[in-house]
């Protein structure tokens, strides 16, 4: 099991103590002295490094490192495995739901996991009655949780804005009686936004995710309209108007997807910056190996180079204090958050988080929709498969052999369960290419925070 992780980012050397989360910005000497799984004896290090460093310097650094080890700051013990296993008997309560309010879309994105919004034949529009019953289902199973998050998802949710308004009204009319705070979020392709919908979204949505894939030619190659034309010119003006209207205390981010066709996605980030967007995310597509846009292992060097360029861009702006921007995948908290339980268990799909379809079927998340073996229940029968929910809860980092020995385990929390199933047929077996990209992002994120 990796106890520390060493990496170089830019010109700097970093050491992460895996179990404590402590990050050390070190010189090359200390970097060379540290071994991933154990700290070697002084005599061994003197022999190994005598040609590169003076023995007195090695001895002095050795003694300082030894003190950090004695203080449990380096090579620290893992105190969390017992917590992970002992929490399995705790009662679970739902805290978030993805309401798939429409299985249909006005775009025909070539990489869409949801079969261009149609969810592989499971088309449909959620009625207001079904939406209300879905919310009731979640509230009933939320127990003592005070804060409930509802993500309005599609397809393209803005195709049914009138229903969305009624859904939000239902929650607002009842949240006091439920003794809950209901927070709405929405993901939209932004093509159908108008003044009325933007005003409503700004008022009622705690977060709004606006989809754009960066450069115009890249976006228009994959995010196409039903008539076969690109969507960039429809999307960008609306995103600008939505951001302009967005209240200062409300969140948003512009989210893109990169594929095999644009592994140089740093250029897409630059294009979004040129449009004036400062809250950004661009994430790797997840497709089967037979898809022409699927990311392959051969793509990783260029993908890593894009992350390095993005790191350098952000570090440079941070140093100058000018025109900084946020990149979602580089957001990381080195001071303890999120809580230990979440770092162990991940997103909570299947036991803290569920997705509900227009037909009222309940799944662990929106990417499981249509996989009948993972159906948790139905709101109309008020049913929930406790055994399946428990399987998802048990799929934490200490029950995933690959994760248990990985230095990044407390940051990725075992990866996406849906991706694990799609590629390996098992929620406990991570998607390896996804792991490699995740680890690179984590290194960049840690480095950015450590140089503050």
Protein backbone atom coordinates (compact mmCIF):
# COMPACT_ATOMS: atom_id res chain seq x y z
CA UNK A 1 0.00 0.00 0.00
CA UNK A 2 1.38 3.39 -1.02
CA UNK A 3 2.08 5.51 2.07
CA UNK A 4 3.39 8.55 0.26
CA UNK A 5 3.19 9.80 -3.31
CA UNK A 6 5.98 11.77 -4.98
CA UNK A 7 5.55 13.81 -8.14
CA UNK A 8 7.03 16.72 -10.01
CA UNK A 9 4.78 19.40 -11.45
CA UNK A 10 6.42 22.19 -13.38
CA UNK A 11 9.73 22.91 -11.68
CA UNK A 12 8.51 21.91 -8.22
CA UNK A 13 8.80 18.67 -6.25
CA UNK A 14 5.84 17.52 -4.17
CA UNK A 15 5.32 14.79 -1.59
CA UNK A 16 1.83 13.75 -0.48
CA UNK A 17 1.40 11.80 2.74
CA UNK A 18 -1.49 9.60 1.62
CA UNK A 19 -3.26 8.90 4.89
CA UNK A 20 -2.98 12.30 6.56
CA UNK A 21 -3.34 14.32 3.36
CA UNK A 22 -0.36 16.50 4.28
CA UNK A 23 1.37 17.97 1.22
CA UNK A 24 5.04 18.94 1.30
CA UNK A 25 6.77 21.18 -1.23
CA UNK A 26 10.33 19.84 -1.07
CA UNK A 27 13.73 20.20 -2.70
CA UNK A 28 15.28 17.56 -4.95
CA UNK A 29 17.33 16.09 -2.11
CA UNK A 30 14.33 15.31 0.11
CA UNK A 31 12.45 14.07 -2.96
CA UNK A 32 15.24 11.59 -3.69
CA UNK A 33 15.49 10.45 -0.07
CA UNK A 34 11.86 9.38 0.16
CA UNK A 35 10.73 5.94 -0.96
CA UNK A 36 7.03 5.39 -1.68
CA UNK A 37 6.32 2.47 0.68
CA UNK A 38 8.87 2.92 3.45
CA UNK A 39 11.66 5.19 4.58
CA UNK A 40 14.99 3.48 4.05
CA UNK A 41 17.71 3.33 6.68
CA UNK A 42 20.33 6.07 6.66
CA UNK A 43 23.14 3.76 5.59
CA UNK A 44 21.15 2.56 2.60
CA UNK A 45 20.44 6.14 1.50
CA UNK A 46 24.04 7.18 1.93
CA UNK A 47 25.08 4.33 -0.34
CA UNK A 48 22.41 5.01 -2.93
CA UNK A 49 22.86 8.78 -3.16
CA UNK A 50 26.56 9.31 -2.27
CA UNK A 51 27.50 10.20 -5.85
CA UNK A 52 24.83 12.89 -6.07
CA UNK A 53 24.88 14.48 -2.60
CA UNK A 54 27.37 15.12 0.20
CA UNK A 55 26.98 12.64 3.06
CA UNK A 56 26.63 15.39 5.67
CA UNK A 57 23.75 16.97 3.78
CA UNK A 58 22.06 13.58 3.45
CA UNK A 59 22.42 12.91 7.19
CA UNK A 60 20.97 16.30 8.14
CA UNK A 61 17.96 15.88 5.85
CA UNK A 62 17.49 12.31 7.05
CA UNK A 63 17.19 13.43 10.68
CA UNK A 64 14.60 16.08 9.78
CA UNK A 65 12.52 13.57 7.83
CA UNK A 66 12.75 11.08 10.67
CA UNK A 67 11.22 13.68 13.00
CA UNK A 68 8.28 14.17 10.63
CA UNK A 69 7.76 10.41 10.61
CA UNK A 70 7.81 10.31 14.42
CA UNK A 71 5.22 13.10 14.44
CA UNK A 72 2.99 10.99 12.10
CA UNK A 73 3.18 13.63 9.35
CA UNK A 74 5.00 11.39 6.89
CA UNK A 75 4.29 7.68 6.31
CA UNK A 76 1.31 8.13 8.62
CA UNK A 77 -0.98 5.28 9.61
CA UNK A 78 -4.34 4.57 8.01
CA UNK A 79 -7.04 5.20 10.61
CA UNK A 80 -9.98 4.99 8.22
CA UNK A 81 -10.44 1.36 7.21
CA UNK A 82 -12.26 0.45 10.41
CA UNK A 83 -14.51 3.48 9.94
CA UNK A 84 -15.37 2.32 6.43
CA UNK A 85 -16.33 -1.20 7.46
CA UNK A 86 -18.11 -0.24 10.68
CA UNK A 87 -20.32 2.29 8.87
CA UNK A 88 -21.99 -0.42 6.79
CA UNK A 89 -24.71 -0.94 9.39
CA UNK A 90 -25.59 2.75 9.64
CA UNK A 91 -29.02 3.79 8.37
CA UNK A 92 -28.89 5.44 4.94
CA UNK A 93 -30.87 8.51 3.96
CA UNK A 94 -31.24 10.01 0.50
CA UNK A 95 -29.87 13.54 0.24
CA UNK A 96 -29.93 14.14 -3.53
CA UNK A 97 -31.93 13.08 -6.56
CA UNK A 98 -31.47 13.45 -10.29
CA UNK A 99 -34.93 13.99 -11.76
CA UNK A 100 -34.72 12.86 -15.38
CA UNK A 101 -37.65 15.06 -16.28
CA UNK A 102 -37.33 14.50 -20.02
CA UNK A 103 -35.80 11.72 -22.08
CA UNK A 104 -35.54 13.76 -25.24
CA UNK A 105 -33.28 16.47 -26.59
CA UNK A 106 -33.15 19.09 -29.35
CA UNK A 107 -29.46 18.31 -30.01
CA UNK A 108 -27.89 15.17 -31.40
CA UNK A 109 -24.51 15.09 -29.65
CA UNK A 110 -22.38 12.34 -31.14
CA UNK A 111 -20.97 11.17 -27.80
CA UNK A 112 -24.14 11.32 -25.70
CA UNK A 113 -24.23 8.50 -23.12
CA UNK A 114 -28.02 8.82 -23.11
CA UNK A 115 -28.44 7.94 -26.80
CA UNK A 116 -28.95 11.59 -27.81
CA UNK A 117 -31.24 12.12 -24.84
CA UNK A 118 -33.54 9.19 -25.62
CA UNK A 119 -31.99 6.76 -23.09
CA UNK A 120 -31.87 3.78 -25.44
CA UNK A 121 -35.58 3.62 -26.15
CA UNK A 122 -36.76 4.85 -22.76
CA UNK A 123 -38.17 8.09 -24.13
CA UNK A 124 -40.64 10.10 -22.16
CA UNK A 125 -41.56 13.33 -20.44
CA UNK A 126 -42.09 13.42 -16.69
CA UNK A 127 -45.56 14.59 -15.75
CA UNK A 128 -46.04 17.04 -12.92
CA UNK A 129 -47.82 14.32 -10.93
CA UNK A 130 -44.86 11.96 -11.36
CA UNK A 131 -42.39 14.69 -10.42
CA UNK A 132 -44.33 15.50 -7.26
CA UNK A 133 -44.50 11.84 -6.33
CA UNK A 134 -40.76 11.51 -7.00
CA UNK A 135 -40.01 14.39 -4.67
CA UNK A 136 -42.29 12.87 -2.02
CA UNK A 137 -40.41 9.57 -2.44
CA UNK A 138 -37.09 11.32 -1.74
CA UNK A 139 -38.40 13.43 1.14
CA UNK A 140 -39.79 10.29 2.81
CA UNK A 141 -36.37 8.61 2.58
CA UNK A 142 -34.32 11.66 3.56
CA UNK A 143 -34.82 11.08 7.29
CA UNK A 144 -33.16 13.75 9.43
CA UNK A 145 -31.30 15.31 6.52
CA UNK A 146 -32.21 18.99 6.37
CA UNK A 147 -30.78 19.86 2.95
CA UNK A 148 -32.06 18.10 -0.17
CA UNK A 149 -30.66 18.67 -3.64
CA UNK A 150 -32.75 18.11 -6.76
CA UNK A 151 -30.99 18.11 -10.12
CA UNK A 152 -33.27 18.74 -13.09
CA UNK A 153 -31.79 16.68 -15.89
CA UNK A 154 -32.53 15.39 -19.36
CA UNK A 155 -32.23 15.14 -22.35
CA UNK A 156 -32.74 18.86 -22.39
CA UNK A 157 -34.84 20.06 -19.43
CA UNK A 158 -35.59 23.51 -20.81
CA UNK A 159 -37.84 21.86 -23.41
CA UNK A 160 -40.44 21.65 -20.61
CA UNK A 161 -39.93 24.90 -18.70
CA UNK A 162 -43.61 25.15 -17.72
CA UNK A 163 -43.36 21.80 -15.91
CA UNK A 164 -40.09 22.85 -14.28
CA UNK A 165 -41.79 25.93 -12.83
CA UNK A 166 -44.54 23.80 -11.34
CA UNK A 167 -42.03 21.31 -9.93
CA UNK A 168 -40.12 24.10 -8.20
CA UNK A 169 -43.37 25.63 -6.93
CA UNK A 170 -44.39 22.31 -5.39
CA UNK A 171 -41.12 22.12 -3.47
CA UNK A 172 -41.25 25.75 -2.37
CA UNK A 173 -44.86 25.38 -1.19
CA UNK A 174 -44.00 22.35 0.94
CA UNK A 175 -40.40 22.61 2.12
CA UNK A 176 -41.38 24.39 5.33
CA UNK A 177 -43.89 21.68 6.19
CA UNK A 178 -41.30 19.04 5.34
CA UNK A 179 -38.75 20.92 7.46
CA UNK A 180 -36.30 20.75 4.54
CA UNK A 181 -34.23 23.16 2.50
CA UNK A 182 -34.60 22.18 -1.16
CA UNK A 183 -31.85 23.29 -3.53
CA UNK A 184 -32.38 22.95 -7.27
CA UNK A 185 -29.70 22.61 -9.93
CA UNK A 186 -30.05 22.22 -13.68
CA UNK A 187 -27.92 21.03 -16.58
CA UNK A 188 -28.78 22.59 -19.94
CA UNK A 189 -27.34 22.88 -23.44
CA UNK A 190 -28.42 26.55 -23.31
CA UNK A 191 -29.87 26.61 -26.82
CA UNK A 192 -33.46 27.31 -25.73
CA UNK A 193 -32.80 29.89 -23.02
CA UNK A 194 -34.78 33.12 -23.23
CA UNK A 195 -35.33 36.12 -20.94
CA UNK A 196 -38.14 34.47 -18.99
CA UNK A 197 -36.37 31.15 -18.44
CA UNK A 198 -33.09 32.86 -17.55
CA UNK A 199 -34.79 35.00 -14.91
CA UNK A 200 -36.46 31.93 -13.43
CA UNK A 201 -33.26 29.88 -13.48
CA UNK A 202 -31.29 32.64 -11.80
CA UNK A 203 -33.88 32.96 -9.05
CA UNK A 204 -34.48 29.27 -8.34
CA UNK A 205 -31.38 27.30 -9.31
CA UNK A 206 -28.55 27.11 -6.77
CA UNK A 207 -26.29 25.96 -9.60
CA UNK A 208 -26.62 25.94 -13.36
CA UNK A 209 -24.38 23.83 -15.62
CA UNK A 210 -24.13 25.21 -19.16
CA UNK A 211 -22.78 22.88 -21.83
CA UNK A 212 -20.20 23.99 -24.41
CA UNK A 213 -17.30 22.04 -25.88
CA UNK A 214 -14.78 24.85 -26.37
CA UNK A 215 -13.61 25.88 -29.83
CA UNK A 216 -16.32 26.48 -32.40
CA UNK A 217 -15.07 23.79 -34.79
CA UNK A 218 -14.73 21.23 -32.01
CA UNK A 219 -18.16 22.01 -30.56
CA UNK A 220 -19.87 22.01 -33.94
CA UNK A 221 -18.34 18.67 -34.89
CA UNK A 222 -20.01 16.85 -31.99
CA UNK A 223 -22.79 19.06 -30.54
CA UNK A 224 -25.06 19.18 -33.56
CA UNK A 225 -28.68 20.15 -34.04
CA UNK A 226 -31.35 17.91 -35.52
CA UNK A 227 -30.76 19.51 -38.92
CA UNK A 228 -27.09 18.49 -38.81
CA UNK A 229 -25.73 21.99 -38.22
CA UNK A 230 -23.48 23.03 -35.36
CA UNK A 231 -24.80 24.62 -32.18
CA UNK A 232 -22.01 27.01 -31.14
CA UNK A 233 -23.67 30.18 -32.42
CA UNK A 234 -26.90 29.24 -30.64
CA UNK A 235 -25.18 28.39 -27.35
CA UNK A 236 -22.56 31.07 -26.71
CA UNK A 237 -24.77 34.20 -26.77
CA UNK A 238 -27.23 32.53 -24.39
CA UNK A 239 -24.50 31.45 -21.97
CA UNK A 240 -23.18 35.00 -21.93
CA UNK A 241 -26.64 36.37 -21.17
CA UNK A 242 -27.24 33.74 -18.47
CA UNK A 243 -23.94 34.55 -16.75
CA UNK A 244 -24.61 38.26 -17.01
CA UNK A 245 -27.93 37.79 -15.21
CA UNK A 246 -26.53 35.38 -12.64
CA UNK A 247 -26.70 36.70 -9.09
CA UNK A 248 -23.35 37.03 -7.34
CA UNK A 249 -24.24 34.45 -4.68
CA UNK A 250 -25.36 31.83 -7.21
CA UNK A 251 -23.14 29.19 -8.80
CA UNK A 252 -22.66 28.31 -12.44
CA UNK A 253 -20.06 26.68 -14.59
CA UNK A 254 -19.55 26.13 -18.30
CA UNK A 255 -18.97 22.44 -18.83
CA UNK A 256 -17.35 20.85 -21.85
CA UNK A 257 -16.47 17.32 -22.92
CA UNK A 258 -13.26 16.32 -24.65
CA UNK A 259 -12.97 13.24 -26.85
CA UNK A 260 -10.41 11.41 -28.97
CA UNK A 261 -10.90 14.25 -31.48
CA UNK A 262 -9.63 17.00 -29.12
CA UNK A 263 -7.15 15.59 -26.67
CA UNK A 264 -5.51 19.03 -26.96
CA UNK A 265 -8.44 20.36 -24.92
CA UNK A 266 -6.26 23.02 -23.34
CA UNK A 267 -7.02 24.94 -26.52
CA UNK A 268 -10.73 24.56 -25.78
CA UNK A 269 -10.25 25.96 -22.30
CA UNK A 270 -8.44 28.93 -23.85
CA UNK A 271 -11.32 29.42 -26.29
CA UNK A 272 -13.83 29.49 -23.43
CA UNK A 273 -11.63 31.98 -21.58
CA UNK A 274 -11.55 34.13 -24.71
CA UNK A 275 -15.35 34.18 -24.63
CA UNK A 276 -15.15 35.61 -21.11
CA UNK A 277 -16.10 32.50 -19.13
CA UNK A 278 -14.28 32.03 -15.82
CA UNK A 279 -16.03 29.07 -14.14
CA UNK A 280 -15.04 26.12 -16.29
CA UNK A 281 -14.98 22.37 -16.56
CA UNK A 282 -13.97 20.15 -19.44
CA UNK A 283 -14.23 16.45 -18.76
CA UNK A 284 -13.23 13.26 -20.60
CA UNK A 285 -15.85 11.45 -22.62
CA UNK A 286 -16.66 7.90 -21.55
CA UNK A 287 -17.46 5.67 -24.52
CA UNK A 288 -16.96 2.05 -25.50
CA UNK A 289 -13.76 1.11 -27.27
CA UNK A 290 -15.60 0.67 -30.57
CA UNK A 291 -16.67 4.33 -30.75
CA UNK A 292 -14.56 6.61 -32.95
CA UNK A 293 -14.60 9.34 -30.28
CA UNK A 294 -13.55 7.06 -27.42
CA UNK A 295 -10.41 7.95 -25.49
CA UNK A 296 -7.67 5.36 -25.82
CA UNK A 297 -4.55 4.67 -23.80
CA UNK A 298 -2.51 6.11 -26.68
CA UNK A 299 -4.28 9.45 -26.09
CA UNK A 300 -3.01 9.79 -22.52
CA UNK A 301 0.33 11.56 -23.24
CA UNK A 302 -1.40 14.39 -25.10
CA UNK A 303 -4.17 14.54 -22.49
CA UNK A 304 -1.56 14.82 -19.73
CA UNK A 305 0.20 17.54 -21.73
CA UNK A 306 -3.06 19.49 -21.85
CA UNK A 307 -3.44 19.19 -18.08
CA UNK A 308 0.16 20.38 -17.65
CA UNK A 309 -0.48 23.41 -19.88
CA UNK A 310 -3.65 24.16 -17.96
CA UNK A 311 -1.73 23.93 -14.68
CA UNK A 312 0.92 26.33 -15.97
CA UNK A 313 -1.73 28.77 -17.17
CA UNK A 314 -3.48 28.77 -13.81
CA UNK A 315 -0.23 28.95 -11.82
CA UNK A 316 0.94 31.90 -13.90
CA UNK A 317 -2.31 33.79 -13.41
CA UNK A 318 -2.28 32.98 -9.70
CA UNK A 319 1.27 34.35 -9.37
CA UNK A 320 0.38 37.58 -11.15
CA UNK A 321 -3.00 37.90 -9.44
CA UNK A 322 -4.58 38.80 -12.76
CA UNK A 323 -7.65 37.37 -14.50
CA UNK A 324 -7.80 34.10 -12.56
CA UNK A 325 -10.36 31.42 -13.36
CA UNK A 326 -11.69 28.26 -11.73
CA UNK A 327 -11.35 24.83 -13.30
CA UNK A 328 -13.72 22.35 -11.70
CA UNK A 329 -11.42 19.33 -11.80
CA UNK A 330 -8.59 21.27 -10.17
CA UNK A 331 -10.68 22.23 -7.15
CA UNK A 332 -9.35 20.45 -4.09
CA UNK A 333 -9.30 21.12 -0.36
CA UNK A 334 -6.02 20.32 1.39
CA UNK A 335 -7.38 21.20 4.83
CA UNK A 336 -9.49 18.13 5.43
CA UNK A 337 -12.61 18.45 3.29
CA UNK A 338 -14.71 16.73 2.21
CA UNK A 339 -15.46 14.61 5.26
CA UNK A 340 -13.73 11.27 5.77
CA UNK A 341 -16.92 9.33 5.05
CA UNK A 342 -17.38 10.96 1.64
CA UNK A 343 -13.72 10.50 0.75
CA UNK A 344 -14.15 6.80 1.46
CA UNK A 345 -17.54 6.22 -0.16
CA UNK A 346 -17.60 8.68 -3.09
CA UNK A 347 -20.71 10.20 -4.66
CA UNK A 348 -23.21 8.05 -2.74
CA UNK A 349 -24.94 6.67 -5.85
CA UNK A 350 -27.49 4.03 -4.93
CA UNK A 351 -27.78 4.83 -1.24
CA UNK A 352 -27.52 8.61 -0.74
CA UNK A 353 -28.21 9.66 -4.30
CA UNK A 354 -30.70 8.26 -6.83
CA UNK A 355 -32.05 9.05 -10.28
CA UNK A 356 -35.74 8.85 -11.17
CA UNK A 357 -36.98 8.45 -14.74
CA UNK A 358 -40.09 9.96 -16.39
CA UNK A 359 -41.78 6.60 -15.80
CA UNK A 360 -41.02 6.74 -12.05
CA UNK A 361 -38.32 4.07 -12.02
CA UNK A 362 -35.48 4.54 -9.51
CA UNK A 363 -31.83 3.91 -10.39
CA UNK A 364 -28.51 4.54 -8.59
CA UNK A 365 -27.73 7.44 -10.95
CA UNK A 366 -28.71 8.73 -14.39
CA UNK A 367 -26.01 6.65 -16.11
CA UNK A 368 -27.62 3.41 -14.90
CA UNK A 369 -31.00 4.20 -16.43
CA UNK A 370 -32.18 1.30 -18.59
CA UNK A 371 -29.92 -1.28 -16.90
CA UNK A 372 -32.70 -3.33 -15.33
CA UNK A 373 -30.37 -5.31 -13.07
CA UNK A 374 -29.57 -2.03 -11.31
CA UNK A 375 -33.11 -0.79 -10.91
CA UNK A 376 -33.68 0.09 -7.25
CA UNK A 377 -37.46 0.36 -7.31
CA UNK A 378 -40.35 2.51 -8.45
CA UNK A 379 -42.01 5.52 -6.89
CA UNK A 380 -45.48 4.20 -7.72
CA UNK A 381 -44.94 1.09 -5.62
CA UNK A 382 -42.95 3.10 -3.09
CA UNK A 383 -40.27 0.41 -3.39
CA UNK A 384 -36.52 0.42 -2.81
CA UNK A 385 -34.14 -2.54 -3.08
CA UNK A 386 -32.23 -2.35 0.21
CA UNK A 387 -29.88 -5.19 -0.75
CA UNK A 388 -28.83 -3.47 -3.98
CA UNK A 389 -28.45 -0.18 -2.15
CA UNK A 390 -26.19 -1.94 0.36
CA UNK A 391 -24.06 -3.29 -2.51
CA UNK A 392 -23.42 0.24 -3.68
CA UNK A 393 -22.62 1.38 -0.16
CA UNK A 394 -20.12 -1.45 0.26
CA UNK A 395 -18.37 -0.44 -2.98
CA UNK A 396 -16.06 1.92 -1.11
CA UNK A 397 -12.29 2.22 -1.50
CA UNK A 398 -11.48 -0.50 1.03
CA UNK A 399 -13.53 -3.07 -0.88
CA UNK A 400 -11.88 -2.25 -4.20
CA UNK A 401 -8.50 -3.98 -4.34
CA UNK A 402 -7.10 -1.56 -6.92
CA UNK A 403 -8.16 1.45 -4.85
CA UNK A 404 -7.02 0.12 -1.50
CA UNK A 405 -3.38 0.25 -2.65
CA UNK A 406 -3.65 3.49 -4.65
CA UNK A 407 -2.20 6.81 -3.45
CA UNK A 408 -5.17 8.74 -4.91
CA UNK A 409 -7.87 6.78 -3.08
CA UNK A 410 -8.98 9.60 -0.75
CA UNK A 411 -9.41 12.02 -3.67
CA UNK A 412 -11.18 9.95 -6.32
CA UNK A 413 -13.06 7.74 -3.81
CA UNK A 414 -13.03 4.74 -6.13
CA UNK A 415 -14.11 6.40 -9.33
CA UNK A 416 -17.48 6.42 -11.06
CA UNK A 417 -19.55 3.31 -10.36
CA UNK A 418 -21.31 3.59 -13.72
CA UNK A 419 -18.01 3.72 -15.60
CA UNK A 420 -16.77 0.72 -13.64
CA UNK A 421 -19.84 -1.26 -14.71
CA UNK A 422 -19.74 -0.08 -18.32
CA UNK A 423 -16.11 -1.09 -18.80
CA UNK A 424 -15.63 -3.95 -16.36
CA UNK A 425 -19.11 -5.19 -15.48
CA UNK A 426 -18.41 -4.63 -11.78
CA UNK A 427 -18.82 -1.60 -9.53
CA UNK A 428 -15.73 -2.72 -7.59
CA UNK A 429 -13.37 -2.73 -10.58
CA UNK A 430 -12.35 0.78 -11.65
CA UNK A 431 -12.11 1.97 -15.24
CA UNK A 432 -8.34 2.08 -15.64
CA UNK A 433 -7.99 4.84 -18.26
CA UNK A 434 -10.29 6.98 -16.14
CA UNK A 435 -8.04 6.29 -13.15
CA UNK A 436 -4.95 7.47 -15.01
CA UNK A 437 -6.59 10.75 -16.02
CA UNK A 438 -7.98 11.26 -12.53
CA UNK A 439 -4.56 10.82 -10.93
CA UNK A 440 -3.03 13.37 -13.27
CA UNK A 441 -5.78 15.89 -12.43
CA UNK A 442 -5.26 15.29 -8.71
CA UNK A 443 -1.53 15.97 -9.02
CA UNK A 444 -2.20 19.25 -10.82
CA UNK A 445 -4.84 20.23 -8.27
CA UNK A 446 -2.57 19.46 -5.29
CA UNK A 447 0.30 21.40 -6.85
CA UNK A 448 -1.87 24.46 -7.47
CA UNK A 449 -3.04 24.53 -3.88
CA UNK A 450 0.41 23.86 -2.45
CA UNK A 451 2.00 26.83 -4.25
CA UNK A 452 -0.55 29.30 -2.81
